[in-house]
Amino acid sequence: MVSRMIVVAGEALVDLVIDTEGNVKAKLGGGPYNVARTIGRLGLPVSFLGAISTDRFGSRLFAQLEADGVQADTIVRTDLPTTLAAAELDERGAATYHFYFAGTSAPSLQQVPPAARAARALHAGTLGLVLEPMATTLLHLMAQLPDDTLLMLDPNCRTGVISDRAAYVQRVEAAYVRSDVVKVSTDDALYLDPSTEPMAYSRALVQRGVQLVLLTDGANGTWVVTADGDELVPTERIEVADTIGAGDSFGGAFLAWWLHHGLTRGDLGNHTAAVEATSAAQEVSAITCQRVGAEPPYRRELSPRWQTQPA
């Protein structure tokens, strides 16, 4: 396996889950943070590019990355407090979210350590394209990537956080210019372009130069969209504990599978390989959904197809 790492860029934060009795539980999270942990548990060299606080919550975030095999050479430590998201649960278990971003760690990313610029692959998205100055920092990084670096983008739109939709859509459009793989849900597609049906939106991205679009459609499965056509990869029917981190583990697993099998940016037009990688990624996501919280599986917990030696 080549030594160049996968770099996952974006936010690490803490969710404060508040039940109806006022009890609070702190959960480590952030979409890219979950992606990095997934890749680490699957055994590929990975680093997290983001700002993490030196406070107690930040120390927990940092320690969990280390425990999951995520390398620290692109993590930027800051004395700013950890970014928080408070989730208040009602009697039905539904959550109302309040976010605390101003003056906190995650948005503050302005420095890009040299290792990130030599990434084997870069995964970016979620609040990484929302919060400033982090969003501008990551867009500049994307534009400067070497030609052989695979860029996977997951907008993972958090509509409750986006205060300026037009500016956000403009950033996503700018990111598409360099993106090789775009993972987008049907809800994401409708938010980004309400006038276009999600499949048509995905096909348009391929026509614009994105080599592969993974259109996730909940329990129905994932559409693999390439220049060679569209194919639905159905999901396994499971008993769901919750869906926290499901999409993140899918994205991380797809990238891990692709690179583990020696596939590169130049292979993304291989429709058959893309379908196989999508099916393998859905196995990882399904296990995550059967666990409470964002707890992706380790490679040893997966089926024999995941146990092959790297190409």
C-alpha atoms as a PDB file:
ATOM      1  CA  MET A   1       0.000   0.000   0.000  1.00  0.00           C
ATOM      2  CA  VAL A   2       1.354   3.426  -0.858  1.00  0.00           C
ATOM      3  CA  SER A   3       2.255   5.617   2.094  1.00  0.00           C
ATOM      4  CA  ARG A   4       0.360   8.727   1.002  1.00  0.00           C
ATOM      5  CA  MET A   5      -2.620   9.215   3.241  1.00  0.00           C
ATOM      6  CA  ILE A   6      -6.273   9.846   2.705  1.00  0.00           C
ATOM      7  CA  VAL A   7      -7.083  13.251   4.201  1.00  0.00           C
ATOM      8  CA  VAL A   8     -10.591  13.989   5.466  1.00  0.00           C
ATOM      9  CA  ALA A   9     -11.327  17.701   5.833  1.00  0.00           C
ATOM     10  CA  GLY A  10     -14.055  19.496   7.770  1.00  0.00           C
ATOM     11  CA  GLU A  11     -15.498  19.849  11.237  1.00  0.00           C
ATOM     12  CA  ALA A  12     -15.143  18.002  14.505  1.00  0.00           C
ATOM     13  CA  LEU A  13     -17.680  18.979  17.148  1.00  0.00           C
ATOM     14  CA  VAL A  14     -19.620  17.756  20.162  1.00  0.00           C
ATOM     15  CA  ASP A  15     -23.360  17.083  20.167  1.00  0.00           C
ATOM     16  CA  LEU A  16     -25.021  17.810  23.511  1.00  0.00           C
ATOM     17  CA  VAL A  17     -28.106  15.595  23.589  1.00  0.00           C
ATOM     18  CA  ILE A  18     -30.671  16.931  26.087  1.00  0.00           C
ATOM     19  CA  ASP A  19     -33.546  14.626  27.091  1.00  0.00           C
ATOM     20  CA  THR A  20     -36.954  15.675  28.403  1.00  0.00           C
ATOM     21  CA  GLU A  21     -35.693  15.531  31.995  1.00  0.00           C
ATOM     22  CA  GLY A  22     -32.864  17.916  31.204  1.00  0.00           C
ATOM     23  CA  ASN A  23     -30.166  15.254  31.313  1.00  0.00           C
ATOM     24  CA  VAL A  24     -27.272  15.950  28.971  1.00  0.00           C
ATOM     25  CA  LYS A  25     -25.018  13.478  27.164  1.00  0.00           C
ATOM     26  CA  ALA A  26     -22.042  14.608  25.106  1.00  0.00           C
ATOM     27  CA  LYS A  27     -21.508  12.760  21.823  1.00  0.00           C
ATOM     28  CA  LEU A  28     -18.460  13.193  19.584  1.00  0.00           C
ATOM     29  CA  GLY A  29     -19.354  14.040  16.014  1.00  0.00           C
ATOM     30  CA  GLY A  30     -19.152  16.032  12.824  1.00  0.00           C
ATOM     31  CA  GLY A  31     -19.624  14.408   9.417  1.00  0.00           C
ATOM     32  CA  PRO A  32     -15.968  14.508   8.304  1.00  0.00           C
ATOM     33  CA  TYR A  33     -14.855  13.426  11.776  1.00  0.00           C
ATOM     34  CA  ASN A  34     -17.015  10.308  11.386  1.00  0.00           C
ATOM     35  CA  VAL A  35     -15.651   9.696   7.873  1.00  0.00           C
ATOM     36  CA  ALA A  36     -12.058   9.781   9.147  1.00  0.00           C
ATOM     37  CA  ARG A  37     -12.883   7.369  11.975  1.00  0.00           C
ATOM     38  CA  THR A  38     -14.496   4.964   9.488  1.00  0.00           C
ATOM     39  CA  ILE A  39     -11.447   4.907   7.231  1.00  0.00           C
ATOM     40  CA  GLY A  40      -9.172   4.453  10.237  1.00  0.00           C
ATOM     41  CA  ARG A  41     -11.194   1.486  11.501  1.00  0.00           C
ATOM     42  CA  LEU A  42     -11.021  -0.034   8.029  1.00  0.00           C
ATOM     43  CA  GLY A  43      -7.246   0.029   8.236  1.00  0.00           C
ATOM     44  CA  LEU A  44      -6.207   2.602   5.643  1.00  0.00           C
ATOM     45  CA  PRO A  45      -3.751   5.436   6.360  1.00  0.00           C
ATOM     46  CA  VAL A  46      -5.872   8.499   7.079  1.00  0.00           C
ATOM     47  CA  SER A  47      -5.511  11.895   8.665  1.00  0.00           C
ATOM     48  CA  PHE A  48      -8.099  14.469   9.749  1.00  0.00           C
ATOM     49  CA  LEU A  49      -7.728  18.042   8.520  1.00  0.00           C
ATOM     50  CA  GLY A  50      -9.570  20.305  10.917  1.00  0.00           C
ATOM     51  CA  ALA A  51      -9.219  22.557  13.927  1.00  0.00           C
ATOM     52  CA  ILE A  52      -9.653  20.794  17.276  1.00  0.00           C
ATOM     53  CA  SER A  53      -9.681  22.595  20.603  1.00  0.00           C
ATOM     54  CA  THR A  54      -7.236  21.995  23.430  1.00  0.00           C
ATOM     55  CA  ASP A  55     -10.147  22.070  25.904  1.00  0.00           C
ATOM     56  CA  ARG A  56     -11.606  18.948  27.530  1.00  0.00           C
ATOM     57  CA  PHE A  57     -14.068  18.214  24.706  1.00  0.00           C
ATOM     58  CA  GLY A  58     -11.313  18.767  22.156  1.00  0.00           C
ATOM     59  CA  SER A  59      -9.055  16.365  24.026  1.00  0.00           C
ATOM     60  CA  ARG A  60     -11.788  13.714  23.792  1.00  0.00           C
ATOM     61  CA  LEU A  61     -12.217  14.341  20.062  1.00  0.00           C
ATOM     62  CA  PHE A  62      -8.465  14.059  19.532  1.00  0.00           C
ATOM     63  CA  ALA A  63      -8.137  10.912  21.641  1.00  0.00           C
ATOM     64  CA  GLN A  64     -10.936   9.117  19.763  1.00  0.00           C
ATOM     65  CA  LEU A  65      -9.264   9.828  16.438  1.00  0.00           C
ATOM     66  CA  GLU A  66      -6.039   8.351  17.769  1.00  0.00           C
ATOM     67  CA  ALA A  67      -7.892   5.302  19.097  1.00  0.00           C
ATOM     68  CA  ASP A  68      -9.391   4.698  15.651  1.00  0.00           C
ATOM     69  CA  GLY A  69      -6.036   4.881  13.888  1.00  0.00           C
ATOM     70  CA  VAL A  70      -6.426   8.393  12.468  1.00  0.00           C
ATOM     71  CA  GLN A  71      -3.087  10.160  12.172  1.00  0.00           C
ATOM     72  CA  ALA A  72      -2.644  13.642  13.623  1.00  0.00           C
ATOM     73  CA  ASP A  73      -0.243  15.332  11.215  1.00  0.00           C
ATOM     74  CA  THR A  74      -2.932  17.487   9.586  1.00  0.00           C
ATOM     75  CA  ILE A  75      -4.850  18.336  12.768  1.00  0.00           C
ATOM     76  CA  VAL A  76      -4.586  21.967  13.869  1.00  0.00           C
ATOM     77  CA  ARG A  77      -4.951  22.492  17.627  1.00  0.00           C
ATOM     78  CA  THR A  78      -6.479  25.743  18.880  1.00  0.00           C
ATOM     79  CA  ASP A  79      -7.256  27.327  22.245  1.00  0.00           C
ATOM     80  CA  LEU A  80     -10.718  28.299  20.988  1.00  0.00           C
ATOM     81  CA  PRO A  81     -13.529  26.332  22.679  1.00  0.00           C
ATOM     82  CA  THR A  82     -14.978  23.249  20.995  1.00  0.00           C
ATOM     83  CA  THR A  83     -17.827  23.801  18.543  1.00  0.00           C
ATOM     84  CA  LEU A  84     -21.122  22.574  20.014  1.00  0.00           C
ATOM     85  CA  ALA A  85     -24.502  21.450  18.721  1.00  0.00           C
ATOM     86  CA  ALA A  86     -27.296  21.111  21.288  1.00  0.00           C
ATOM     87  CA  ALA A  87     -30.049  18.619  20.444  1.00  0.00           C
ATOM     88  CA  GLU A  88     -33.180  18.899  22.588  1.00  0.00           C
ATOM     89  CA  LEU A  89     -35.321  15.756  22.447  1.00  0.00           C
ATOM     90  CA  ASP A  90     -39.102  15.891  22.767  1.00  0.00           C
ATOM     91  CA  GLU A  91     -41.381  13.137  24.120  1.00  0.00           C
ATOM     92  CA  ARG A  92     -41.324  11.370  20.744  1.00  0.00           C
ATOM     93  CA  GLY A  93     -37.545  11.422  20.520  1.00  0.00           C
ATOM     94  CA  ALA A  94     -37.485  14.099  17.822  1.00  0.00           C
ATOM     95  CA  ALA A  95     -34.660  16.618  18.147  1.00  0.00           C
ATOM     96  CA  THR A  96     -34.539  20.386  17.828  1.00  0.00           C
ATOM     97  CA  TYR A  97     -31.002  21.619  17.177  1.00  0.00           C
ATOM     98  CA  HIS A  98     -29.213  24.769  18.278  1.00  0.00           C
ATOM     99  CA  PHE A  99     -25.674  25.383  17.078  1.00  0.00           C
ATOM    100  CA  TYR A 100     -22.883  27.314  18.757  1.00  0.00           C
ATOM    101  CA  PHE A 101     -20.249  28.251  16.180  1.00  0.00           C
ATOM    102  CA  ALA A 102     -19.152  31.846  16.826  1.00  0.00           C
ATOM    103  CA  GLY A 103     -15.671  32.002  18.295  1.00  0.00           C
ATOM    104  CA  THR A 104     -15.282  28.211  18.390  1.00  0.00           C
ATOM    105  CA  SER A 105     -12.758  25.723  17.045  1.00  0.00           C
ATOM    106  CA  ALA A 106     -14.191  24.133  13.885  1.00  0.00           C
ATOM    107  CA  PRO A 107     -14.766  27.252  11.746  1.00  0.00           C
ATOM    108  CA  SER A 108     -11.337  28.682  12.566  1.00  0.00           C
ATOM    109  CA  LEU A 109      -9.331  26.491  10.174  1.00  0.00           C
ATOM    110  CA  GLN A 110      -7.018  28.693   8.090  1.00  0.00           C
ATOM    111  CA  GLN A 111      -3.767  26.741   8.176  1.00  0.00           C
ATOM    112  CA  VAL A 112      -3.263  23.722   5.908  1.00  0.00           C
ATOM    113  CA  PRO A 113      -0.321  21.543   7.009  1.00  0.00           C
ATOM    114  CA  PRO A 114       1.931  20.409   4.121  1.00  0.00           C
ATOM    115  CA  ALA A 115       0.880  16.745   4.430  1.00  0.00           C
ATOM    116  CA  ALA A 116      -2.659  17.634   3.332  1.00  0.00           C
ATOM    117  CA  ARG A 117      -1.412  18.974   0.010  1.00  0.00           C
ATOM    118  CA  ALA A 118       0.157  15.618  -0.867  1.00  0.00           C
ATOM    119  CA  ALA A 119      -2.929  13.546  -0.089  1.00  0.00           C
ATOM    120  CA  ARG A 120      -3.601  10.330  -1.960  1.00  0.00           C
ATOM    121  CA  ALA A 121      -7.269  11.296  -1.760  1.00  0.00           C
ATOM    122  CA  LEU A 122      -9.163  14.159  -0.142  1.00  0.00           C
ATOM    123  CA  HIS A 123     -12.673  13.850   1.296  1.00  0.00           C
ATOM    124  CA  ALA A 124     -14.483  17.087   2.138  1.00  0.00           C
ATOM    125  CA  GLY A 125     -17.960  18.389   2.857  1.00  0.00           C
ATOM    126  CA  THR A 126     -20.691  18.967   5.452  1.00  0.00           C
ATOM    127  CA  LEU A 127     -19.969  22.120   7.470  1.00  0.00           C
ATOM    128  CA  GLY A 128     -16.568  22.386   5.803  1.00  0.00           C
ATOM    129  CA  LEU A 129     -18.342  24.243   2.999  1.00  0.00           C
ATOM    130  CA  VAL A 130     -20.537  26.306   5.350  1.00  0.00           C
ATOM    131  CA  LEU A 131     -18.455  27.777   8.153  1.00  0.00           C
ATOM    132  CA  GLU A 132     -15.912  30.514   7.508  1.00  0.00           C
ATOM    133  CA  PRO A 133     -12.972  30.873   7.282  1.00  0.00           C
ATOM    134  CA  MET A 134     -12.795  27.060   7.022  1.00  0.00           C
ATOM    135  CA  ALA A 135     -14.870  26.961   3.828  1.00  0.00           C
ATOM    136  CA  THR A 136     -12.580  29.360   1.949  1.00  0.00           C
ATOM    137  CA  THR A 137      -9.517  27.488   3.244  1.00  0.00           C
ATOM    138  CA  LEU A 138     -10.814  24.164   1.925  1.00  0.00           C
ATOM    139  CA  LEU A 139     -11.861  25.578  -1.446  1.00  0.00           C
ATOM    140  CA  HIS A 140      -8.339  26.925  -1.923  1.00  0.00           C
ATOM    141  CA  LEU A 141      -6.922  23.505  -1.009  1.00  0.00           C
ATOM    142  CA  MET A 142      -9.190  21.746  -3.518  1.00  0.00           C
ATOM    143  CA  ALA A 143      -8.132  24.082  -6.303  1.00  0.00           C
ATOM    144  CA  GLN A 144      -4.441  23.363  -5.618  1.00  0.00           C
ATOM    145  CA  LEU A 145      -4.586  19.562  -5.404  1.00  0.00           C
ATOM    146  CA  PRO A 146      -2.123  17.543  -7.503  1.00  0.00           C
ATOM    147  CA  ASP A 147      -3.567  16.014 -10.652  1.00  0.00           C
ATOM    148  CA  ASP A 148      -3.415  12.467  -9.258  1.00  0.00           C
ATOM    149  CA  THR A 149      -5.294  13.264  -6.020  1.00  0.00           C
ATOM    150  CA  LEU A 150      -8.832  11.878  -5.937  1.00  0.00           C
ATOM    151  CA  LEU A 151     -11.360  14.379  -4.513  1.00  0.00           C
ATOM    152  CA  MET A 152     -14.591  13.045  -3.018  1.00  0.00           C
ATOM    153  CA  LEU A 153     -17.172  15.663  -2.066  1.00  0.00           C
ATOM    154  CA  ASP A 154     -20.159  15.096   0.222  1.00  0.00           C
ATOM    155  CA  PRO A 155     -22.220  18.304   0.554  1.00  0.00           C
ATOM    156  CA  ASN A 156     -24.316  16.665   3.307  1.00  0.00           C
ATOM    157  CA  CYS A 157     -26.394  19.840   3.506  1.00  0.00           C
ATOM    158  CA  ARG A 158     -27.167  21.010   7.044  1.00  0.00           C
ATOM    159  CA  THR A 159     -29.958  23.406   6.193  1.00  0.00           C
ATOM    160  CA  GLY A 160     -30.441  24.572   9.777  1.00  0.00           C
ATOM    161  CA  VAL A 161     -26.893  25.923   9.842  1.00  0.00           C
ATOM    162  CA  ILE A 162     -26.814  27.612   6.429  1.00  0.00           C
ATOM    163  CA  SER A 163     -27.648  31.298   6.887  1.00  0.00           C
ATOM    164  CA  ASP A 164     -26.864  32.350   3.308  1.00  0.00           C
ATOM    165  CA  ARG A 165     -28.124  29.677   0.921  1.00  0.00           C
ATOM    166  CA  ALA A 166     -26.942  31.487  -2.227  1.00  0.00           C
ATOM    167  CA  ALA A 167     -23.370  31.797  -0.937  1.00  0.00           C
ATOM    168  CA  TYR A 168     -23.377  28.170   0.163  1.00  0.00           C
ATOM    169  CA  VAL A 169     -24.624  26.877  -3.204  1.00  0.00           C
ATOM    170  CA  GLN A 170     -21.949  28.975  -4.897  1.00  0.00           C
ATOM    171  CA  ARG A 171     -19.269  27.284  -2.759  1.00  0.00           C
ATOM    172  CA  VAL A 172     -20.606  23.835  -3.594  1.00  0.00           C
ATOM    173  CA  GLU A 173     -20.616  24.707  -7.290  1.00  0.00           C
ATOM    174  CA  ALA A 174     -17.009  25.876  -7.013  1.00  0.00           C
ATOM    175  CA  ALA A 175     -16.062  22.596  -5.309  1.00  0.00           C
ATOM    176  CA  TYR A 176     -17.696  20.584  -8.104  1.00  0.00           C
ATOM    177  CA  VAL A 177     -15.154  21.999 -10.586  1.00  0.00           C
ATOM    178  CA  ARG A 178     -12.408  19.776  -9.110  1.00  0.00           C
ATOM    179  CA  SER A 179     -14.558  16.971  -7.671  1.00  0.00           C
ATOM    180  CA  ASP A 180     -14.136  13.439  -8.985  1.00  0.00           C
ATOM    181  CA  VAL A 181     -16.751  11.664  -6.837  1.00  0.00           C
ATOM    182  CA  VAL A 182     -19.831  13.393  -5.443  1.00  0.00           C
ATOM    183  CA  LYS A 183     -21.953  11.664  -2.825  1.00  0.00           C
ATOM    184  CA  VAL A 184     -25.304  13.420  -2.603  1.00  0.00           C
ATOM    185  CA  SER A 185     -28.616  12.409  -1.042  1.00  0.00           C
ATOM    186  CA  THR A 186     -31.937  13.021  -2.723  1.00  0.00           C
ATOM    187  CA  ASP A 187     -32.648  15.657  -0.042  1.00  0.00           C
ATOM    188  CA  ASP A 188     -29.290  17.337  -0.688  1.00  0.00           C
ATOM    189  CA  ALA A 189     -29.971  17.475  -4.422  1.00  0.00           C
ATOM    190  CA  LEU A 190     -33.388  19.042  -3.931  1.00  0.00           C
ATOM    191  CA  TYR A 191     -31.956  21.653  -1.561  1.00  0.00           C
ATOM    192  CA  LEU A 192     -29.145  22.552  -3.941  1.00  0.00           C
ATOM    193  CA  ASP A 193     -31.459  22.721  -6.974  1.00  0.00           C
ATOM    194  CA  PRO A 194     -35.187  22.592  -6.079  1.00  0.00           C
ATOM    195  CA  SER A 195     -36.189  22.870  -9.731  1.00  0.00           C
ATOM    196  CA  THR A 196     -34.457  19.652 -10.797  1.00  0.00           C
ATOM    197  CA  GLU A 197     -35.283  16.036  -9.987  1.00  0.00           C
ATOM    198  CA  PRO A 198     -32.376  14.393  -8.071  1.00  0.00           C
ATOM    199  CA  MET A 199     -31.475  11.886 -10.793  1.00  0.00           C
ATOM    200  CA  ALA A 200     -31.424  14.620 -13.417  1.00  0.00           C
ATOM    201  CA  TYR A 201     -29.261  16.682 -11.079  1.00  0.00           C
ATOM    202  CA  SER A 202     -26.835  13.766 -10.735  1.00  0.00           C
ATOM    203  CA  ARG A 203     -26.663  13.165 -14.472  1.00  0.00           C
ATOM    204  CA  ALA A 204     -25.986  16.864 -15.039  1.00  0.00           C
ATOM    205  CA  LEU A 205     -23.009  16.681 -12.673  1.00  0.00           C
ATOM    206  CA  VAL A 206     -21.547  13.827 -14.729  1.00  0.00           C
ATOM    207  CA  GLN A 207     -22.096  15.817 -17.916  1.00  0.00           C
ATOM    208  CA  ARG A 208     -20.171  18.688 -16.306  1.00  0.00           C
ATOM    209  CA  GLY A 209     -17.144  16.511 -15.609  1.00  0.00           C
ATOM    210  CA  VAL A 210     -17.728  14.742 -12.273  1.00  0.00           C
ATOM    211  CA  GLN A 211     -16.733  11.152 -13.012  1.00  0.00           C
ATOM    212  CA  LEU A 212     -18.992   9.422 -10.490  1.00  0.00           C
ATOM    213  CA  VAL A 213     -22.085  10.476  -8.559  1.00  0.00           C
ATOM    214  CA  LEU A 214     -23.398   8.356  -5.694  1.00  0.00           C
ATOM    215  CA  LEU A 215     -27.039   9.381  -5.220  1.00  0.00           C
ATOM    216  CA  THR A 216     -28.248   7.965  -1.912  1.00  0.00           C
ATOM    217  CA  ASP A 217     -31.973   7.327  -1.625  1.00  0.00           C
ATOM    218  CA  GLY A 218     -32.497   6.179   1.952  1.00  0.00           C
ATOM    219  CA  ALA A 219     -33.753   2.635   2.399  1.00  0.00           C
ATOM    220  CA  ASN A 220     -34.099   2.223  -1.371  1.00  0.00           C
ATOM    221  CA  GLY A 221     -30.342   2.137  -1.902  1.00  0.00           C
ATOM    222  CA  THR A 222     -27.762   4.133  -3.819  1.00  0.00           C
ATOM    223  CA  TRP A 223     -27.764   5.069  -7.479  1.00  0.00           C
ATOM    224  CA  VAL A 224     -24.379   4.775  -9.165  1.00  0.00           C
ATOM    225  CA  VAL A 225     -24.300   7.400 -11.905  1.00  0.00           C
ATOM    226  CA  THR A 226     -21.461   7.444 -14.444  1.00  0.00           C
ATOM    227  CA  ALA A 227     -21.077   8.321 -18.108  1.00  0.00           C
ATOM    228  CA  ASP A 228     -21.991   4.673 -18.826  1.00  0.00           C
ATOM    229  CA  GLY A 229     -25.400   4.938 -17.174  1.00  0.00           C
ATOM    230  CA  ASP A 230     -27.274   4.624 -13.878  1.00  0.00           C
ATOM    231  CA  GLU A 231     -27.623   1.575 -11.642  1.00  0.00           C
ATOM    232  CA  LEU A 232     -29.418   1.178  -8.325  1.00  0.00           C
ATOM    233  CA  VAL A 233     -27.548  -0.771  -5.660  1.00  0.00           C
ATOM    234  CA  PRO A 234     -30.268  -1.816  -3.189  1.00  0.00           C
ATOM    235  CA  THR A 235     -29.673  -1.739   0.541  1.00  0.00           C
ATOM    236  CA  GLU A 236     -29.828  -4.699   2.890  1.00  0.00           C
ATOM    237  CA  ARG A 237     -33.020  -4.853   4.968  1.00  0.00           C
ATOM    238  CA  ILE A 238     -31.992  -4.404   8.594  1.00  0.00           C
ATOM    239  CA  GLU A 239     -33.376  -3.396  11.967  1.00  0.00           C
ATOM    240  CA  VAL A 240     -32.194   0.186  12.430  1.00  0.00           C
ATOM    241  CA  ALA A 241     -31.041   1.421  15.842  1.00  0.00           C
ATOM    242  CA  ASP A 242     -30.436   4.923  14.472  1.00  0.00           C
ATOM    243  CA  THR A 243     -28.974   6.498  11.348  1.00  0.00           C
ATOM    244  CA  ILE A 244     -26.355   8.686  13.040  1.00  0.00           C
ATOM    245  CA  GLY A 245     -23.174   8.507  10.975  1.00  0.00           C
ATOM    246  CA  ALA A 246     -24.698   6.207   8.357  1.00  0.00           C
ATOM    247  CA  GLY A 247     -23.924   8.429   5.391  1.00  0.00           C
ATOM    248  CA  ASP A 248     -20.508   9.294   6.790  1.00  0.00           C
ATOM    249  CA  SER A 249     -19.551   5.627   7.180  1.00  0.00           C
ATOM    250  CA  PHE A 250     -20.805   4.943   3.646  1.00  0.00           C
ATOM    251  CA  GLY A 251     -18.627   7.676   2.176  1.00  0.00           C
ATOM    252  CA  GLY A 252     -15.568   6.678   4.157  1.00  0.00           C
ATOM    253  CA  ALA A 253     -16.037   3.019   3.276  1.00  0.00           C
ATOM    254  CA  PHE A 254     -16.427   3.739  -0.435  1.00  0.00           C
ATOM    255  CA  LEU A 255     -13.154   5.638  -0.489  1.00  0.00           C
ATOM    256  CA  ALA A 256     -11.411   2.998   1.630  1.00  0.00           C
ATOM    257  CA  TRP A 257     -12.588   0.172  -0.639  1.00  0.00           C
ATOM    258  CA  TRP A 258     -11.572   2.017  -3.786  1.00  0.00           C
ATOM    259  CA  LEU A 259      -8.036   2.761  -2.668  1.00  0.00           C
ATOM    260  CA  HIS A 260      -7.547  -0.574  -0.869  1.00  0.00           C
ATOM    261  CA  HIS A 261      -8.121  -2.303  -4.199  1.00  0.00           C
ATOM    262  CA  GLY A 262      -5.515  -0.205  -5.965  1.00  0.00           C
ATOM    263  CA  LEU A 263      -8.052   1.888  -7.856  1.00  0.00           C
ATOM    264  CA  THR A 264      -7.259   5.528  -8.599  1.00  0.00           C
ATOM    265  CA  ARG A 265      -8.795   8.726  -9.866  1.00  0.00           C
ATOM    266  CA  GLY A 266      -8.320   7.406 -13.387  1.00  0.00           C
ATOM    267  CA  ASP A 267     -10.481   4.339 -12.703  1.00  0.00           C
ATOM    268  CA  LEU A 268     -13.622   6.185 -11.655  1.00  0.00           C
ATOM    269  CA  GLY A 269     -15.226   5.700 -15.043  1.00  0.00           C
ATOM    270  CA  ASN A 270     -15.281   1.935 -14.420  1.00  0.00           C
ATOM    271  CA  HIS A 271     -18.997   1.464 -13.772  1.00  0.00           C
ATOM    272  CA  THR A 272     -18.661  -2.159 -12.625  1.00  0.00           C
ATOM    273  CA  ALA A 273     -16.001  -1.275 -10.053  1.00  0.00           C
ATOM    274  CA  ALA A 274     -18.104   1.636  -8.812  1.00  0.00           C
ATOM    275  CA  VAL A 275     -21.090  -0.657  -8.248  1.00  0.00           C
ATOM    276  CA  GLU A 276     -18.916  -3.174  -6.371  1.00  0.00           C
ATOM    277  CA  ALA A 277     -17.449  -0.437  -4.156  1.00  0.00           C
ATOM    278  CA  THR A 278     -20.917   0.951  -3.460  1.00  0.00           C
ATOM    279  CA  SER A 279     -22.202  -2.445  -2.365  1.00  0.00           C
ATOM    280  CA  ALA A 280     -19.202  -2.868  -0.042  1.00  0.00           C
ATOM    281  CA  ALA A 281     -19.764   0.611   1.402  1.00  0.00           C
ATOM    282  CA  GLN A 282     -23.433  -0.172   2.053  1.00  0.00           C
ATOM    283  CA  GLU A 283     -22.350  -3.172   4.126  1.00  0.00           C
ATOM    284  CA  VAL A 284     -20.396  -0.817   6.392  1.00  0.00           C
ATOM    285  CA  SER A 285     -23.254   1.678   6.579  1.00  0.00           C
ATOM    286  CA  ALA A 286     -25.755  -1.066   7.447  1.00  0.00           C
ATOM    287  CA  ILE A 287     -23.696  -2.161  10.435  1.00  0.00           C
ATOM    288  CA  THR A 288     -23.392   1.452  11.591  1.00  0.00           C
ATOM    289  CA  CYS A 289     -27.185   1.786  11.434  1.00  0.00           C
ATOM    290  CA  GLN A 290     -27.601  -1.225  13.708  1.00  0.00           C
ATOM    291  CA  ARG A 291     -25.630   0.516  16.461  1.00  0.00           C
ATOM    292  CA  VAL A 292     -26.520   3.516  18.586  1.00  0.00           C
ATOM    293  CA  GLY A 293     -24.499   6.556  17.586  1.00  0.00           C
ATOM    294  CA  ALA A 294     -21.754   6.895  15.003  1.00  0.00           C
ATOM    295  CA  GLU A 295     -19.911   3.603  15.590  1.00  0.00           C
ATOM    296  CA  PRO A 296     -18.612   2.275  12.261  1.00  0.00           C
ATOM    297  CA  PRO A 297     -17.307  -1.300  12.153  1.00  0.00           C
ATOM    298  CA  TYR A 298     -13.709  -2.468  12.013  1.00  0.00           C
ATOM    299  CA  ARG A 299     -12.543  -4.407   8.958  1.00  0.00           C
ATOM    300  CA  ARG A 300     -12.454  -7.643  10.990  1.00  0.00           C
ATOM    301  CA  GLU A 301     -16.225  -7.368  11.567  1.00  0.00           C
ATOM    302  CA  LEU A 302     -17.036  -7.335   7.872  1.00  0.00           C
ATOM    303  CA  SER A 303     -17.673 -10.020   5.266  1.00  0.00           C
ATOM    304  CA  PRO A 304     -14.878 -11.925   3.464  1.00  0.00           C
ATOM    305  CA  ARG A 305     -14.891  -9.464   0.566  1.00  0.00           C
ATOM    306  CA  TRP A 306     -13.361  -6.917   2.937  1.00  0.00           C
ATOM    307  CA  GLN A 307     -10.563  -9.244   4.062  1.00  0.00           C
ATOM    308  CA  THR A 308      -8.511  -9.253   0.869  1.00  0.00           C
ATOM    309  CA  GLN A 309      -4.960  -7.965   0.871  1.00  0.00           C
ATOM    310  CA  PRO A 310      -4.421  -4.506  -0.677  1.00  0.00           C
ATOM    311  CA  ALA A 311      -3.616  -4.318  -4.361  1.00  0.00           C
END
